[in-house]
Amino acid sequence: VTVTGDDRSRSVGGSLEVPQNPPGTVMDFAQTTVETGPDKVDIDYRLSFPKDTKVNGYQASLSVPLAIYAGKGFTITAEGKEDPPIIIPTKLGDSFLHEGTVQGFALAAGDPNGFAVTTNEPMHLLVQDNRNWGGDTIEFRFCFARIDDGDGNQAAGIPAGHSTSAHFALTLPKDSQVILNQAATPSRTDTSDWIPFVLP
């Protein structure tokens, strides 16, 4: 993984090994983050798979702390229209607060901690309450692909040569200061104790 840039723009690129595949199976990626104006940041992803790769999905996720956002609302924009607000509960209820094709969302509009994300084309969004898995965040998960056979089972996966790109525009509260993490150190979730199961 290589990182270039400063605290206002950054490019990260390289290859990440995909677990539970033959050795040498990787996803090549490039991410560019740029401050494009007052309170605005653009994030671009380019992802590709040189070899056939088995996954059950891959996505870009934005997680926010429940300590700040519980009780706040978010609105979904789809087909050019804004849906009624969905309130993030203060206690765990449904694990999935929204799922569907969107063009963006706004969280805690008008709040000092509010922000909005828009995409350049419709994308599948899953909003997940991570308290159901012992977490303390709400996760906005933009899904590039979910690969299954319709019964929740991992199917053939992603064919060699598959690539995708995505653009996100982030609008922050007024007078926000954008400071990017220049180290951009990748991390891997330890899944050694995960138990696979098929949803009913």
Protein backbone atom coordinates (compact mmCIF):
# COMPACT_ATOMS: atom_id res chain seq x y z
CA VAL A 1 0.00 0.00 0.00
CA THR A 2 1.34 3.42 -0.95
CA VAL A 3 0.12 6.77 0.36
CA THR A 4 0.76 10.23 -1.05
CA GLY A 5 -0.66 13.67 -0.32
CA ASP A 6 -1.09 16.02 2.60
CA ASP A 7 -3.81 17.03 5.07
CA ARG A 8 -6.01 18.40 2.25
CA SER A 9 -5.66 15.70 -0.42
CA ARG A 10 -4.59 12.10 -0.32
CA SER A 11 -4.18 9.14 -2.64
CA VAL A 12 -3.92 5.57 -1.40
CA GLY A 13 -3.30 2.60 -3.68
CA GLY A 14 -2.16 -0.98 -3.61
CA SER A 15 -3.35 -4.56 -3.31
CA LEU A 16 -5.15 -6.23 -0.44
CA GLU A 17 -5.16 -10.00 -0.07
CA VAL A 18 -8.65 -11.47 0.04
CA PRO A 19 -8.93 -14.12 2.77
CA GLN A 20 -10.38 -17.60 2.19
CA ASN A 21 -9.10 -17.66 -1.39
CA PRO A 22 -6.01 -19.24 -2.98
CA PRO A 23 -2.72 -17.46 -2.13
CA GLY A 24 -2.14 -14.43 -4.32
CA THR A 25 -5.82 -13.57 -4.69
CA VAL A 26 -6.01 -9.81 -4.23
CA MET A 27 -8.19 -6.78 -4.76
CA ASP A 28 -6.33 -3.87 -6.36
CA PHE A 29 -7.57 -0.51 -5.13
CA ALA A 30 -7.06 3.21 -5.44
CA GLN A 31 -8.71 5.80 -3.24
CA THR A 32 -8.43 9.54 -3.72
CA THR A 33 -9.71 12.05 -1.18
CA VAL A 34 -9.69 15.78 -1.96
CA GLU A 35 -10.99 18.85 -0.16
CA THR A 36 -12.91 20.52 -3.00
CA GLY A 37 -14.20 23.63 -1.26
CA PRO A 38 -15.38 25.03 2.05
CA ASP A 39 -16.87 22.13 4.02
CA LYS A 40 -16.73 19.78 1.02
CA VAL A 41 -14.72 16.62 0.38
CA ASP A 42 -14.75 14.28 -2.63
CA ILE A 43 -13.82 10.61 -2.28
CA ASP A 44 -13.21 8.37 -5.30
CA TYR A 45 -12.70 4.61 -5.33
CA ARG A 46 -11.39 2.36 -8.11
CA LEU A 47 -11.40 -1.36 -7.33
CA SER A 48 -10.48 -4.36 -9.47
CA PHE A 49 -10.00 -8.12 -9.13
CA PRO A 50 -7.25 -9.68 -11.30
CA LYS A 51 -8.37 -13.25 -10.47
CA ASP A 52 -11.62 -15.06 -9.80
CA THR A 53 -12.39 -14.16 -6.20
CA LYS A 54 -14.87 -15.64 -3.75
CA VAL A 55 -16.55 -13.06 -1.53
CA ASN A 56 -20.06 -12.58 -0.22
CA GLY A 57 -19.83 -8.86 -0.92
CA TYR A 58 -17.66 -5.78 -0.74
CA GLN A 59 -18.54 -2.24 0.19
CA ALA A 60 -17.42 1.18 1.39
CA SER A 61 -18.64 1.84 4.92
CA LEU A 62 -19.00 5.02 6.95
CA SER A 63 -19.50 4.38 10.67
CA VAL A 64 -20.69 7.05 13.13
CA PRO A 65 -20.71 6.83 16.94
CA LEU A 66 -24.04 6.20 18.63
CA ALA A 67 -22.86 8.33 21.54
CA ILE A 68 -23.30 11.35 19.25
CA TYR A 69 -26.01 10.29 16.78
CA ALA A 70 -28.50 8.16 18.76
CA GLY A 71 -31.83 9.99 18.68
CA LYS A 72 -30.86 11.92 15.55
CA GLY A 73 -32.54 11.45 12.19
CA PHE A 74 -31.26 10.75 8.70
CA THR A 75 -33.01 11.25 5.39
CA ILE A 76 -32.51 9.19 2.25
CA THR A 77 -32.49 10.68 -1.24
CA ALA A 78 -33.72 8.28 -3.93
CA GLU A 79 -35.00 8.91 -7.44
CA GLY A 80 -34.49 12.63 -6.90
CA LYS A 81 -36.76 12.73 -3.84
CA GLU A 82 -36.03 12.96 -0.14
CA ASP A 83 -37.74 10.38 2.06
CA PRO A 84 -39.15 11.18 5.52
CA PRO A 85 -36.52 11.14 8.30
CA ILE A 86 -35.57 7.84 9.95
CA ILE A 87 -34.68 8.22 13.64
CA ILE A 88 -31.68 6.32 15.01
CA PRO A 89 -33.06 4.67 18.16
CA THR A 90 -31.49 5.23 21.56
CA LYS A 91 -31.86 1.50 22.24
CA LEU A 92 -31.33 -1.43 19.89
CA GLY A 93 -34.39 -2.28 17.85
CA ASP A 94 -34.17 -3.34 14.22
CA SER A 95 -30.64 -4.25 13.19
CA PHE A 96 -31.15 -2.73 9.74
CA LEU A 97 -32.63 0.76 9.64
CA HIS A 98 -32.75 1.06 5.85
CA GLU A 99 -31.87 -0.89 2.75
CA GLY A 100 -32.34 0.14 -0.85
CA THR A 101 -31.00 2.07 -3.82
CA VAL A 102 -30.15 5.68 -2.99
CA GLN A 103 -28.42 8.75 -4.35
CA GLY A 104 -27.28 9.84 -0.92
CA PHE A 105 -28.29 10.61 2.64
CA ALA A 106 -28.18 13.46 5.15
CA LEU A 107 -27.57 12.78 8.84
CA ALA A 108 -28.60 15.16 11.64
CA ALA A 109 -29.33 18.03 9.25
CA GLY A 110 -28.92 21.41 10.95
CA ASP A 111 -26.96 19.86 13.83
CA PRO A 112 -23.33 20.89 14.45
CA ASN A 113 -22.40 17.24 13.86
CA GLY A 114 -24.59 16.82 10.79
CA PHE A 115 -23.32 15.98 7.32
CA ALA A 116 -24.49 14.67 3.95
CA VAL A 117 -23.16 12.17 1.42
CA THR A 118 -24.17 12.04 -2.24
CA THR A 119 -23.15 9.64 -5.00
CA ASN A 120 -22.67 10.28 -8.70
CA GLU A 121 -25.00 7.39 -9.55
CA PRO A 122 -27.54 5.32 -7.62
CA MET A 123 -25.99 2.82 -5.21
CA HIS A 124 -27.27 0.16 -2.83
CA LEU A 125 -27.16 1.39 0.78
CA LEU A 126 -27.57 -0.67 3.95
CA VAL A 127 -27.83 1.19 7.27
CA GLN A 128 -26.84 -1.19 10.06
CA ASP A 129 -27.08 -0.83 13.84
CA ASN A 130 -23.88 -2.45 15.04
CA ARG A 131 -25.15 -2.79 18.61
CA ASN A 132 -26.58 -6.11 17.45
CA TRP A 133 -22.97 -7.35 17.08
CA GLY A 134 -21.56 -5.74 20.21
CA GLY A 135 -20.59 -2.46 18.53
CA ASP A 136 -21.33 1.16 19.35
CA THR A 137 -21.80 2.63 15.86
CA ILE A 138 -24.32 3.03 13.07
CA GLU A 139 -22.85 1.91 9.76
CA PHE A 140 -23.82 3.40 6.39
CA ARG A 141 -22.69 0.65 4.02
CA PHE A 142 -22.56 1.42 0.28
CA CYS A 143 -22.52 -2.01 -1.34
CA PHE A 144 -20.56 -2.38 -4.57
CA ALA A 145 -21.70 -5.99 -4.87
CA ARG A 146 -23.39 -8.69 -2.86
CA ILE A 147 -22.69 -12.14 -4.21
CA ASP A 148 -25.05 -14.94 -3.20
CA ASP A 149 -27.38 -17.48 -4.74
CA GLY A 150 -30.56 -15.92 -3.40
CA ASP A 151 -30.59 -18.12 -0.30
CA GLY A 152 -27.81 -16.30 1.53
CA ASN A 153 -25.10 -18.70 0.38
CA GLN A 154 -21.82 -17.54 -1.13
CA ALA A 155 -21.94 -18.20 -4.85
CA ALA A 156 -19.25 -18.14 -7.53
CA GLY A 157 -18.03 -14.70 -6.49
CA ILE A 158 -16.36 -12.07 -8.64
CA PRO A 159 -14.89 -13.00 -12.03
CA ALA A 160 -11.34 -12.15 -13.01
CA GLY A 161 -11.07 -8.71 -14.57
CA HIS A 162 -14.08 -7.26 -12.73
CA SER A 163 -13.66 -3.61 -11.79
CA THR A 164 -15.81 -0.88 -10.32
CA SER A 165 -15.56 2.78 -9.43
CA ALA A 166 -17.55 5.07 -7.16
CA HIS A 167 -17.64 8.76 -6.31
CA PHE A 168 -18.85 10.19 -3.01
CA ALA A 169 -19.31 13.90 -2.24
CA LEU A 170 -19.27 14.69 1.47
CA THR A 171 -20.77 17.97 2.74
CA LEU A 172 -19.73 18.87 6.28
CA PRO A 173 -21.14 21.44 8.73
CA LYS A 174 -20.24 25.06 8.08
CA ASP A 175 -16.72 26.09 9.07
CA SER A 176 -15.52 22.48 9.45
CA GLN A 177 -11.79 21.84 9.30
CA VAL A 178 -10.81 18.89 7.12
CA ILE A 179 -7.75 16.97 8.37
CA LEU A 180 -6.98 13.73 6.57
CA ASN A 181 -5.14 10.84 8.20
CA GLN A 182 -1.92 10.88 6.21
CA ALA A 183 -0.82 7.46 7.47
CA ALA A 184 -3.93 5.70 6.09
CA THR A 185 -2.85 2.45 7.72
CA PRO A 186 -5.03 -0.47 6.55
CA SER A 187 -6.56 -2.77 9.13
CA ARG A 188 -8.13 -6.22 8.96
CA THR A 189 -11.03 -7.47 11.04
CA ASP A 190 -10.23 -10.69 12.87
CA THR A 191 -12.86 -13.16 11.69
CA SER A 192 -11.23 -16.31 13.06
CA ASP A 193 -14.00 -16.79 15.61
CA TRP A 194 -16.90 -15.99 13.24
CA ILE A 195 -19.40 -18.78 12.75
CA PRO A 196 -20.83 -19.09 9.22
CA PHE A 197 -24.57 -19.57 8.96
CA VAL A 198 -27.36 -19.37 6.40
CA LEU A 199 -30.21 -16.98 7.03
CA PRO A 200 -33.67 -18.59 7.05
